[in-house]
Amino acid sequence: MAVTTGPEDWQGTRVGFLLEQKGETTEVKFHHSGWPETNNHYQVSCYCWAMYLRLLKRYVENGEFVPYEERLDA
C-alpha cells in the first residue's frame, strides 16, 4: 500500500505485510520501503513499527491489550 498522507518523508513510501503459514503458526513479514533517506525520522519509525508488531504479537498470542498511552512501557 502506498502512503499518500502523513509526514512528508512517509509520502510515496510503501507499507505492507506478507503472511505465511508455517505449520501451526503464521509468520508475519512487514515492510516499510521507499524512504528518501535514512534520517532520524526513519530510525524512530523503525523503532515504533517494531514496538507495534511486538504488541500485536502479544495481543494475538495472549489476548493482551495495551492502551496506546502505555505502549512504550509494556
Protein backbone atom coordinates (compact mmCIF):
# COMPACT_ATOMS: atom_id res chain seq x y z
CA MET A 1 0.00 0.00 0.00
CA ALA A 2 1.38 3.39 -0.91
CA VAL A 3 1.39 6.06 1.78
CA THR A 4 -0.29 9.17 0.38
CA THR A 5 -0.77 11.29 3.51
CA GLY A 6 1.21 11.82 6.67
CA PRO A 7 4.70 13.12 7.36
CA GLU A 8 6.42 14.40 4.22
CA ASP A 9 9.12 11.74 4.16
CA TRP A 10 6.48 8.98 4.51
CA GLN A 11 4.59 10.12 1.41
CA GLY A 12 5.38 7.88 -1.52
CA THR A 13 6.71 5.08 0.69
CA ARG A 14 5.07 1.66 0.77
CA VAL A 15 3.83 -0.28 3.79
CA GLY A 16 2.75 -3.88 3.74
CA PHE A 17 2.53 -7.29 5.37
CA LEU A 18 3.11 -10.76 4.00
CA LEU A 19 1.56 -13.61 5.98
CA GLU A 20 2.93 -17.12 5.55
CA GLN A 21 1.61 -20.27 7.18
CA LYS A 22 4.40 -22.18 8.97
CA GLY A 23 2.88 -25.38 10.33
CA GLU A 24 0.52 -24.29 13.09
CA THR A 25 1.87 -20.73 13.19
CA THR A 26 1.79 -17.74 10.89
CA GLU A 27 4.91 -15.78 10.03
CA VAL A 28 4.42 -12.05 9.55
CA LYS A 29 6.83 -10.20 7.27
CA PHE A 30 6.45 -6.44 7.43
CA HIS A 31 7.98 -3.79 5.19
CA HIS A 32 8.04 -0.01 5.00
CA SER A 33 10.12 0.77 1.93
CA GLY A 34 10.95 3.71 -0.29
CA TRP A 35 12.31 6.13 2.28
CA PRO A 36 14.05 9.10 0.64
CA GLU A 37 16.90 8.98 3.18
CA THR A 38 17.98 7.21 6.36
CA ASN A 39 17.32 10.15 8.68
CA ASN A 40 16.27 10.42 12.33
CA HIS A 41 12.58 10.05 11.43
CA TYR A 42 13.38 6.79 9.62
CA GLN A 43 15.15 5.46 12.72
CA VAL A 44 12.30 6.47 15.04
CA SER A 45 9.73 4.94 12.67
CA CYS A 46 11.64 1.64 12.52
CA TYR A 47 11.65 1.52 16.32
CA CYS A 48 7.94 2.33 16.53
CA TRP A 49 6.99 -0.30 13.94
CA ALA A 50 8.92 -2.88 15.98
CA MET A 51 7.04 -1.86 19.14
CA TYR A 52 3.65 -2.08 17.39
CA LEU A 53 4.46 -5.51 15.96
CA ARG A 54 5.61 -6.71 19.40
CA LEU A 55 2.30 -5.54 20.92
CA LEU A 56 0.35 -7.16 18.07
CA LYS A 57 2.14 -10.45 18.81
CA ARG A 58 1.23 -10.20 22.50
CA TYR A 59 -2.41 -9.50 21.58
CA VAL A 60 -2.66 -12.38 19.11
CA GLU A 61 -0.87 -14.91 21.29
CA ASN A 62 -2.19 -13.91 24.74
CA GLY A 63 -5.18 -11.62 24.20
CA GLU A 64 -3.26 -8.85 25.98
CA PHE A 65 -4.38 -5.33 25.10
CA VAL A 66 -2.01 -2.45 25.83
CA PRO A 67 -3.50 1.06 25.70
CA TYR A 68 -1.73 3.43 23.31
CA GLU A 69 -0.55 5.65 26.16
CA GLU A 70 1.21 2.66 27.77
CA ARG A 71 2.78 1.18 24.63
CA LEU A 72 6.36 2.24 25.43
CA ASP A 73 6.19 0.87 28.98
CA ALA A 74 4.66 -2.51 28.10
